[in-house]
Every structure is written in C-alpha cells, then in structure tokens.
C-alpha cells in the first residue's frame, strides 16, 4: 500500500508542476499579457503591476486545478477498488 500511495502522491505533484508551468506559459504568451508587459510599439501601455496581481493567481490556478482533478480521480479509483474487494 505504501508504494502505491507514494506513486499517487508523486503523480499528483508532477501534474501540479506541469499545470503551473503550462498556465504561466499560456498567460505569458497571450496577447493581453504581451500588451501589458510592453511588447507593443515603443513600450506604450507598459503595466508591470499585472505581474504582481495576475501571475500569482495564474500560478496557483495552474497548480491547484490539475492536482484537484488528479486527487478526485485517485479517490474515485480507490473507492471503486475498495467496493470491488468487499463484493
């Protein structure tokens, strides 16, 4: 049981890290973010406050969302296995 739990935990952490990295990448390459970071003509409209206000939420959402789905799937599979053992 210990190895299976370690594998599930490691998988959840991996999914969380990939989700966070993917969310930050998608946020950073969006047209809206590019405009705020000054990649327009001569840095017109540069607003670095977006990094302090949006980036933490993007990172947390990217990390928590996939991890929550992973945990729900692991819980449902574990519940199904327990019901199969009792049958």
PDB file of N, CA and C in Angstrom:
ATOM      1  N   UNK A   1       0.823  -1.202   0.000  1.00  0.00           N
ATOM      2  CA  UNK A   1       0.000   0.000   0.000  1.00  0.00           C
ATOM      3  C   UNK A   1       0.856   1.249   0.000  1.00  0.00           C
ATOM      4  N   UNK A   2       2.023   1.196   0.656  1.00  0.00           N
ATOM      5  CA  UNK A   2       2.885   2.366   0.757  1.00  0.00           C
ATOM      6  C   UNK A   2       3.427   2.826  -0.579  1.00  0.00           C
ATOM      7  N   UNK A   3       3.827   1.866  -1.405  1.00  0.00           N
ATOM      8  CA  UNK A   3       4.380   2.243  -2.717  1.00  0.00           C
ATOM      9  C   UNK A   3       3.324   2.855  -3.626  1.00  0.00           C
ATOM     10  N   UNK A   4       2.123   2.314  -3.555  1.00  0.00           N
ATOM     11  CA  UNK A   4       1.040   2.842  -4.392  1.00  0.00           C
ATOM     12  C   UNK A   4       0.701   4.271  -3.960  1.00  0.00           C
ATOM     13  N   UNK A   5       0.670   4.508  -2.668  1.00  0.00           N
ATOM     14  CA  UNK A   5       0.376   5.848  -2.160  1.00  0.00           C
ATOM     15  C   UNK A   5       1.490   6.819  -2.560  1.00  0.00           C
ATOM     16  N   UNK A   6       2.753   6.377  -2.499  1.00  0.00           N
ATOM     17  CA  UNK A   6       3.863   7.228  -2.916  1.00  0.00           C
ATOM     18  C   UNK A   6       3.773   7.558  -4.399  1.00  0.00           C
ATOM     19  N   UNK A   7       3.384   6.586  -5.217  1.00  0.00           N
ATOM     20  CA  UNK A   7       3.247   6.821  -6.658  1.00  0.00           C
ATOM     21  C   UNK A   7       2.125   7.800  -6.946  1.00  0.00           C
ATOM     22  N   UNK A   8       1.023   7.682  -6.235  1.00  0.00           N
ATOM     23  CA  UNK A   8      -0.101   8.605  -6.434  1.00  0.00           C
ATOM     24  C   UNK A   8       0.295  10.014  -6.013  1.00  0.00           C
ATOM     25  N   UNK A   9       0.996  10.127  -4.891  1.00  0.00           N
ATOM     26  CA  UNK A   9       1.444  11.436  -4.416  1.00  0.00           C
ATOM     27  C   UNK A   9       2.430  12.060  -5.392  1.00  0.00           C
ATOM     28  N   UNK A  10       3.374  11.260  -5.873  1.00  0.00           N
ATOM     29  CA  UNK A  10       4.359  11.766  -6.837  1.00  0.00           C
ATOM     30  C   UNK A  10       3.669  12.192  -8.132  1.00  0.00           C
ATOM     31  N   UNK A  11       2.706  11.410  -8.575  1.00  0.00           N
ATOM     32  CA  UNK A  11       1.961  11.769  -9.788  1.00  0.00           C
ATOM     33  C   UNK A  11       1.186  13.059  -9.611  1.00  0.00           C
ATOM     34  N   UNK A  12       0.589  13.247  -8.440  1.00  0.00           N
ATOM     35  CA  UNK A  12      -0.141  14.487  -8.177  1.00  0.00           C
ATOM     36  C   UNK A  12       0.770  15.695  -8.181  1.00  0.00           C
ATOM     37  N   UNK A  13       1.943  15.547  -7.594  1.00  0.00           N
ATOM     38  CA  UNK A  13       2.913  16.652  -7.588  1.00  0.00           C
ATOM     39  C   UNK A  13       3.399  16.957  -9.000  1.00  0.00           C
ATOM     40  N   UNK A  14       3.622  15.924  -9.783  1.00  0.00           N
ATOM     41  CA  UNK A  14       4.072  16.120 -11.161  1.00  0.00           C
ATOM     42  C   UNK A  14       2.998  16.822 -11.991  1.00  0.00           C
ATOM     43  N   UNK A  15       1.771  16.383 -11.857  1.00  0.00           N
ATOM     44  CA  UNK A  15       0.664  17.019 -12.582  1.00  0.00           C
ATOM     45  C   UNK A  15       0.510  18.476 -12.154  1.00  0.00           C
ATOM     46  N   UNK A  16       0.682  18.745 -10.872  1.00  0.00           N
ATOM     47  CA  UNK A  16       0.577  20.108 -10.361  1.00  0.00           C
ATOM     48  C   UNK A  16       1.688  20.992 -10.932  1.00  0.00           C
ATOM     49  N   UNK A  17       2.904  20.493 -10.972  1.00  0.00           N
ATOM     50  CA  UNK A  17       4.028  21.273 -11.505  1.00  0.00           C
ATOM     51  C   UNK A  17       3.856  21.544 -12.993  1.00  0.00           C
ATOM     52  N   UNK A  18       3.433  20.546 -13.743  1.00  0.00           N
ATOM     53  CA  UNK A  18       3.224  20.735 -15.184  1.00  0.00           C
ATOM     54  C   UNK A  18       2.073  21.711 -15.427  1.00  0.00           C
ATOM     55  N   UNK A  19       1.010  21.612 -14.629  1.00  0.00           N
ATOM     56  CA  UNK A  19      -0.110  22.534 -14.773  1.00  0.00           C
ATOM     57  C   UNK A  19       0.287  23.971 -14.476  1.00  0.00           C
ATOM     58  N   UNK A  20       1.086  24.170 -13.431  1.00  0.00           N
ATOM     59  CA  UNK A  20       1.537  25.523 -13.088  1.00  0.00           C
ATOM     60  C   UNK A  20       2.431  26.092 -14.181  1.00  0.00           C
ATOM     61  N   UNK A  21       3.356  25.284 -14.666  1.00  0.00           N
ATOM     62  CA  UNK A  21       4.251  25.755 -15.733  1.00  0.00           C
ATOM     63  C   UNK A  21       3.469  26.053 -17.010  1.00  0.00           C
ATOM     64  N   UNK A  22       2.525  25.205 -17.338  1.00  0.00           N
ATOM     65  CA  UNK A  22       1.705  25.430 -18.528  1.00  0.00           C
ATOM     66  C   UNK A  22       0.839  26.666 -18.418  1.00  0.00           C
ATOM     67  N   UNK A  23       0.269  26.885 -17.241  1.00  0.00           N
ATOM     68  CA  UNK A  23      -0.573  28.068 -17.049  1.00  0.00           C
ATOM     69  C   UNK A  23       0.240  29.351 -17.152  1.00  0.00           C
ATOM     70  N   UNK A  24       1.419  29.360 -16.553  1.00  0.00           N
ATOM     71  CA  UNK A  24       2.277  30.548 -16.620  1.00  0.00           C
ATOM     72  C   UNK A  24       2.732  30.786 -18.061  1.00  0.00           C
ATOM     73  N   UNK A  25       3.063  29.714 -18.775  1.00  0.00           N
ATOM     74  CA  UNK A  25       3.465  29.861 -20.181  1.00  0.00           C
ATOM     75  C   UNK A  25       2.324  30.403 -21.026  1.00  0.00           C
ATOM     76  N   UNK A  26       1.129  29.842 -20.856  1.00  0.00           N
ATOM     77  CA  UNK A  26      -0.025  30.317 -21.627  1.00  0.00           C
ATOM     78  C   UNK A  26      -0.352  31.766 -21.289  1.00  0.00           C
ATOM     79  N   UNK A  27      -0.265  32.115 -20.012  1.00  0.00           N
ATOM     80  CA  UNK A  27      -0.517  33.503 -19.595  1.00  0.00           C
ATOM     81  C   UNK A  27       0.529  34.437 -20.192  1.00  0.00           C
ATOM     82  N   UNK A  28       1.785  34.025 -20.156  1.00  0.00           N
ATOM     83  CA  UNK A  28       2.870  34.882 -20.641  1.00  0.00           C
ATOM     84  C   UNK A  28       2.865  35.094 -22.138  1.00  0.00           C
ATOM     85  N   UNK A  29       2.335  34.142 -22.883  1.00  0.00           N
ATOM     86  CA  UNK A  29       2.336  34.275 -24.339  1.00  0.00           C
ATOM     87  C   UNK A  29       1.034  34.832 -24.896  1.00  0.00           C
ATOM     88  N   UNK A  30       0.063  35.126 -24.029  1.00  0.00           N
ATOM     89  CA  UNK A  30      -1.204  35.670 -24.529  1.00  0.00           C
ATOM     90  C   UNK A  30      -1.005  37.114 -24.999  1.00  0.00           C
ATOM     91  N   UNK A  31      -1.819  37.511 -25.947  1.00  0.00           N
ATOM     92  CA  UNK A  31      -1.719  38.869 -26.499  1.00  0.00           C
ATOM     93  C   UNK A  31      -1.973  39.927 -25.432  1.00  0.00           C
ATOM     94  N   UNK A  32      -2.922  39.656 -24.551  1.00  0.00           N
ATOM     95  CA  UNK A  32      -3.255  40.615 -23.499  1.00  0.00           C
ATOM     96  C   UNK A  32      -2.055  40.858 -22.588  1.00  0.00           C
ATOM     97  N   UNK A  33      -1.404  39.794 -22.166  1.00  0.00           N
ATOM     98  CA  UNK A  33      -0.242  39.933 -21.292  1.00  0.00           C
ATOM     99  C   UNK A  33       0.912  40.599 -22.031  1.00  0.00           C
ATOM    100  N   UNK A  34       1.086  40.281 -23.277  1.00  0.00           N
ATOM    101  CA  UNK A  34       2.151  40.899 -24.060  1.00  0.00           C
ATOM    102  C   UNK A  34       1.962  42.416 -24.129  1.00  0.00           C
ATOM    103  N   UNK A  35       0.716  42.866 -24.275  1.00  0.00           N
ATOM    104  CA  UNK A  35       0.456  44.307 -24.302  1.00  0.00           C
ATOM    105  C   UNK A  35       0.786  44.948 -22.958  1.00  0.00           C
ATOM    106  N   UNK A  36       0.401  44.279 -21.860  1.00  0.00           N
ATOM    107  CA  UNK A  36       0.670  44.835 -20.538  1.00  0.00           C
ATOM    108  C   UNK A  36       2.156  44.876 -20.210  1.00  0.00           C
ATOM    109  N   UNK A  37       2.908  43.945 -20.721  1.00  0.00           N
ATOM    110  CA  UNK A  37       4.333  43.910 -20.425  1.00  0.00           C
ATOM    111  C   UNK A  37       5.159  44.785 -21.359  1.00  0.00           C
ATOM    112  N   UNK A  38       4.508  45.482 -22.277  1.00  0.00           N
ATOM    113  CA  UNK A  38       5.196  46.474 -23.068  1.00  0.00           C
ATOM    114  C   UNK A  38       5.761  45.995 -24.381  1.00  0.00           C
ATOM    115  N   UNK A  39       5.235  44.915 -24.908  1.00  0.00           N
ATOM    116  CA  UNK A  39       5.736  44.445 -26.191  1.00  0.00           C
ATOM    117  C   UNK A  39       5.019  45.099 -27.357  1.00  0.00           C
ATOM    118  N   UNK A  40       4.343  46.195 -27.084  1.00  0.00           N
ATOM    119  CA  UNK A  40       3.699  46.968 -28.142  1.00  0.00           C
ATOM    120  C   UNK A  40       4.722  47.971 -28.689  1.00  0.00           C
ATOM    121  N   UNK A  41       4.277  48.850 -29.513  1.00  0.00           N
ATOM    122  CA  UNK A  41       5.145  49.842 -30.137  1.00  0.00           C
ATOM    123  C   UNK A  41       5.734  50.764 -29.077  1.00  0.00           C
ATOM    124  N   UNK A  42       7.029  50.802 -28.942  1.00  0.00           N
ATOM    125  CA  UNK A  42       7.785  51.667 -28.038  1.00  0.00           C
ATOM    126  C   UNK A  42       7.310  51.573 -26.584  1.00  0.00           C
ATOM    127  N   UNK A  43       6.970  50.388 -26.148  1.00  0.00           N
ATOM    128  CA  UNK A  43       6.543  50.129 -24.765  1.00  0.00           C
ATOM    129  C   UNK A  43       5.346  50.966 -24.332  1.00  0.00           C
ATOM    130  N   UNK A  44       4.498  51.338 -25.263  1.00  0.00           N
ATOM    131  CA  UNK A  44       3.282  52.073 -24.895  1.00  0.00           C
ATOM    132  C   UNK A  44       2.365  51.176 -24.081  1.00  0.00           C
ATOM    133  N   UNK A  45       1.861  51.699 -22.995  1.00  0.00           N
ATOM    134  CA  UNK A  45       0.924  50.954 -22.166  1.00  0.00           C
ATOM    135  C   UNK A  45       1.561  49.913 -21.280  1.00  0.00           C
ATOM    136  N   UNK A  46       2.847  50.058 -20.969  1.00  0.00           N
ATOM    137  CA  UNK A  46       3.513  49.075 -20.119  1.00  0.00           C
ATOM    138  C   UNK A  46       2.970  49.151 -18.698  1.00  0.00           C
ATOM    139  N   UNK A  47       2.539  48.013 -18.167  1.00  0.00           N
ATOM    140  CA  UNK A  47       1.956  47.944 -16.840  1.00  0.00           C
ATOM    141  C   UNK A  47       2.502  46.703 -16.142  1.00  0.00           C
ATOM    142  N   UNK A  48       3.547  46.875 -15.343  1.00  0.00           N
ATOM    143  CA  UNK A  48       4.158  45.740 -14.661  1.00  0.00           C
ATOM    144  C   UNK A  48       3.366  45.304 -13.438  1.00  0.00           C
ATOM    145  N   UNK A  49       2.357  46.069 -13.062  1.00  0.00           N
ATOM    146  CA  UNK A  49       1.502  45.667 -11.949  1.00  0.00           C
ATOM    147  C   UNK A  49       0.759  44.379 -12.240  1.00  0.00           C
ATOM    148  N   UNK A  50       0.585  44.072 -13.511  1.00  0.00           N
ATOM    149  CA  UNK A  50      -0.100  42.843 -13.892  1.00  0.00           C
ATOM    150  C   UNK A  50       0.687  41.616 -13.420  1.00  0.00           C
ATOM    151  N   UNK A  51       1.984  41.738 -13.312  1.00  0.00           N
ATOM    152  CA  UNK A  51       2.812  40.625 -12.837  1.00  0.00           C
ATOM    153  C   UNK A  51       2.518  40.348 -11.362  1.00  0.00           C
ATOM    154  N   UNK A  52       2.325  41.394 -10.589  1.00  0.00           N
ATOM    155  CA  UNK A  52       2.053  41.229  -9.154  1.00  0.00           C
ATOM    156  C   UNK A  52       0.613  40.824  -8.870  1.00  0.00           C
ATOM    157  N   UNK A  53      -0.309  41.209  -9.738  1.00  0.00           N
ATOM    158  CA  UNK A  53      -1.709  40.932  -9.459  1.00  0.00           C
ATOM    159  C   UNK A  53      -2.222  39.662 -10.135  1.00  0.00           C
ATOM    160  N   UNK A  54      -1.822  39.396 -11.351  1.00  0.00           N
ATOM    161  CA  UNK A  54      -2.361  38.255 -12.079  1.00  0.00           C
ATOM    162  C   UNK A  54      -1.497  37.005 -11.974  1.00  0.00           C
ATOM    163  N   UNK A  55      -0.197  37.162 -12.000  1.00  0.00           N
ATOM    164  CA  UNK A  55       0.693  35.998 -12.060  1.00  0.00           C
ATOM    165  C   UNK A  55       0.531  35.048 -10.883  1.00  0.00           C
ATOM    166  N   UNK A  56       0.403  35.517  -9.645  1.00  0.00           N
ATOM    167  CA  UNK A  56       0.196  34.547  -8.551  1.00  0.00           C
ATOM    168  C   UNK A  56      -1.088  33.731  -8.708  1.00  0.00           C
ATOM    169  N   UNK A  57      -2.158  34.369  -9.176  1.00  0.00           N
ATOM    170  CA  UNK A  57      -3.410  33.641  -9.371  1.00  0.00           C
ATOM    171  C   UNK A  57      -3.307  32.639 -10.519  1.00  0.00           C
ATOM    172  N   UNK A  58      -2.598  33.010 -11.575  1.00  0.00           N
ATOM    173  CA  UNK A  58      -2.391  32.094 -12.693  1.00  0.00           C
ATOM    174  C   UNK A  58      -1.580  30.890 -12.226  1.00  0.00           C
ATOM    175  N   UNK A  59      -0.523  31.131 -11.464  1.00  0.00           N
ATOM    176  CA  UNK A  59       0.324  30.052 -10.968  1.00  0.00           C
ATOM    177  C   UNK A  59      -0.466  29.118 -10.046  1.00  0.00           C
ATOM    178  N   UNK A  60      -1.195  29.690  -9.102  1.00  0.00           N
ATOM    179  CA  UNK A  60      -1.967  28.868  -8.169  1.00  0.00           C
ATOM    180  C   UNK A  60      -3.090  28.102  -8.870  1.00  0.00           C
ATOM    181  N   UNK A  61      -3.768  28.759  -9.778  1.00  0.00           N
ATOM    182  CA  UNK A  61      -4.817  28.077 -10.529  1.00  0.00           C
ATOM    183  C   UNK A  61      -4.282  26.940 -11.376  1.00  0.00           C
ATOM    184  N   UNK A  62      -3.123  27.169 -11.981  1.00  0.00           N
ATOM    185  CA  UNK A  62      -2.498  26.122 -12.787  1.00  0.00           C
ATOM    186  C   UNK A  62      -2.002  24.965 -11.953  1.00  0.00           C
ATOM    187  N   UNK A  63      -1.628  25.225 -10.699  1.00  0.00           N
ATOM    188  CA  UNK A  63      -1.134  24.163  -9.825  1.00  0.00           C
ATOM    189  C   UNK A  63      -2.268  23.428  -9.135  1.00  0.00           C
ATOM    190  N   UNK A  64      -3.272  24.158  -8.677  1.00  0.00           N
ATOM    191  CA  UNK A  64      -4.341  23.552  -7.883  1.00  0.00           C
ATOM    192  C   UNK A  64      -5.360  22.818  -8.760  1.00  0.00           C
ATOM    193  N   UNK A  65      -5.679  23.366  -9.900  1.00  0.00           N
ATOM    194  CA  UNK A  65      -6.688  22.743 -10.768  1.00  0.00           C
ATOM    195  C   UNK A  65      -6.344  21.318 -11.177  1.00  0.00           C
ATOM    196  N   UNK A  66      -5.196  21.096 -11.811  1.00  0.00           N
ATOM    197  CA  UNK A  66      -4.847  19.718 -12.178  1.00  0.00           C
ATOM    198  C   UNK A  66      -4.657  18.802 -10.976  1.00  0.00           C
ATOM    199  N   UNK A  67      -4.126  19.321  -9.878  1.00  0.00           N
ATOM    200  CA  UNK A  67      -3.945  18.492  -8.683  1.00  0.00           C
ATOM    201  C   UNK A  67      -5.286  18.077  -8.099  1.00  0.00           C
ATOM    202  N   UNK A  68      -6.267  18.962  -8.142  1.00  0.00           N
ATOM    203  CA  UNK A  68      -7.598  18.615  -7.642  1.00  0.00           C
ATOM    204  C   UNK A  68      -8.247  17.544  -8.507  1.00  0.00           C
ATOM    205  N   UNK A  69      -8.103  17.657  -9.809  1.00  0.00           N
ATOM    206  CA  UNK A  69      -8.644  16.632 -10.702  1.00  0.00           C
ATOM    207  C   UNK A  69      -7.932  15.303 -10.468  1.00  0.00           C
ATOM    208  N   UNK A  70      -6.613  15.344 -10.293  1.00  0.00           N
ATOM    209  CA  UNK A  70      -5.840  14.134 -10.006  1.00  0.00           C
ATOM    210  C   UNK A  70      -6.313  13.495  -8.692  1.00  0.00           C
ATOM    211  N   UNK A  71      -6.490  14.297  -7.666  1.00  0.00           N
ATOM    212  CA  UNK A  71      -6.929  13.772  -6.370  1.00  0.00           C
ATOM    213  C   UNK A  71      -8.324  13.169  -6.464  1.00  0.00           C
ATOM    214  N   UNK A  72      -9.218  13.814  -7.198  1.00  0.00           N
ATOM    215  CA  UNK A  72     -10.563  13.283  -7.372  1.00  0.00           C
ATOM    216  C   UNK A  72     -10.520  11.936  -8.089  1.00  0.00           C
ATOM    217  N   UNK A  73      -9.709  11.852  -9.138  1.00  0.00           N
ATOM    218  CA  UNK A  73      -9.567  10.580  -9.859  1.00  0.00           C
ATOM    219  C   UNK A  73      -8.978   9.486  -8.984  1.00  0.00           C
ATOM    220  N   UNK A  74      -7.970   9.815  -8.187  1.00  0.00           N
ATOM    221  CA  UNK A  74      -7.361   8.832  -7.289  1.00  0.00           C
ATOM    222  C   UNK A  74      -8.360   8.391  -6.232  1.00  0.00           C
ATOM    223  N   UNK A  75      -9.155   9.305  -5.723  1.00  0.00           N
ATOM    224  CA  UNK A  75     -10.162   8.975  -4.715  1.00  0.00           C
ATOM    225  C   UNK A  75     -11.231   8.061  -5.302  1.00  0.00           C
ATOM    226  N   UNK A  76     -11.691   8.392  -6.515  1.00  0.00           N
ATOM    227  CA  UNK A  76     -12.721   7.565  -7.142  1.00  0.00           C
ATOM    228  C   UNK A  76     -12.201   6.164  -7.457  1.00  0.00           C
ATOM    229  N   UNK A  77     -10.973   6.064  -7.947  1.00  0.00           N
ATOM    230  CA  UNK A  77     -10.402   4.745  -8.228  1.00  0.00           C
ATOM    231  C   UNK A  77     -10.202   3.943  -6.952  1.00  0.00           C
ATOM    232  N   UNK A  78      -9.732   4.593  -5.897  1.00  0.00           N
ATOM    233  CA  UNK A  78      -9.560   3.910  -4.623  1.00  0.00           C
ATOM    234  C   UNK A  78     -10.882   3.446  -4.048  1.00  0.00           C
ATOM    235  N   UNK A  79     -11.892   4.251  -4.194  1.00  0.00           N
ATOM    236  CA  UNK A  79     -13.227   3.888  -3.705  1.00  0.00           C
ATOM    237  C   UNK A  79     -13.781   2.704  -4.487  1.00  0.00           C
ATOM    238  N   UNK A  80     -13.543   2.717  -5.806  1.00  0.00           N
ATOM    239  CA  UNK A  80     -14.019   1.618  -6.648  1.00  0.00           C
ATOM    240  C   UNK A  80     -13.304   0.318  -6.297  1.00  0.00           C
ATOM    241  N   UNK A  81     -12.009   0.414  -6.043  1.00  0.00           N
ATOM    242  CA  UNK A  81     -11.242  -0.796  -5.674  1.00  0.00           C
ATOM    243  C   UNK A  81     -11.714  -1.352  -4.338  1.00  0.00           C
ATOM    244  N   UNK A  82     -12.010  -0.470  -3.389  1.00  0.00           N
ATOM    245  CA  UNK A  82     -12.490  -0.939  -2.088  1.00  0.00           C
ATOM    246  C   UNK A  82     -13.840  -1.619  -2.212  1.00  0.00           C
ATOM    247  N   UNK A  83     -14.718  -1.072  -3.063  1.00  0.00           N
ATOM    248  CA  UNK A  83     -16.035  -1.696  -3.232  1.00  0.00           C
ATOM    249  C   UNK A  83     -15.907  -3.036  -3.944  1.00  0.00           C
ATOM    250  N   UNK A  84     -14.929  -3.187  -4.846  1.00  0.00           N
ATOM    251  CA  UNK A  84     -14.703  -4.467  -5.511  1.00  0.00           C
ATOM    252  C   UNK A  84     -14.168  -5.500  -4.531  1.00  0.00           C
ATOM    253  N   UNK A  85     -13.349  -5.077  -3.559  1.00  0.00           N
ATOM    254  CA  UNK A  85     -12.818  -6.001  -2.561  1.00  0.00           C
ATOM    255  C   UNK A  85     -13.898  -6.500  -1.623  1.00  0.00           C
ATOM    256  N   UNK A  86     -14.867  -5.662  -1.314  1.00  0.00           N
ATOM    257  CA  UNK A  86     -15.934  -6.046  -0.388  1.00  0.00           C
ATOM    258  C   UNK A  86     -17.034  -6.875  -1.060  1.00  0.00           C
ATOM    259  N   UNK A  87     -17.034  -6.923  -2.364  1.00  0.00           N
ATOM    260  CA  UNK A  87     -18.084  -7.670  -3.076  1.00  0.00           C
ATOM    261  C   UNK A  87     -17.793  -9.144  -3.133  1.00  0.00           C
TER     262      UNK A  87
END
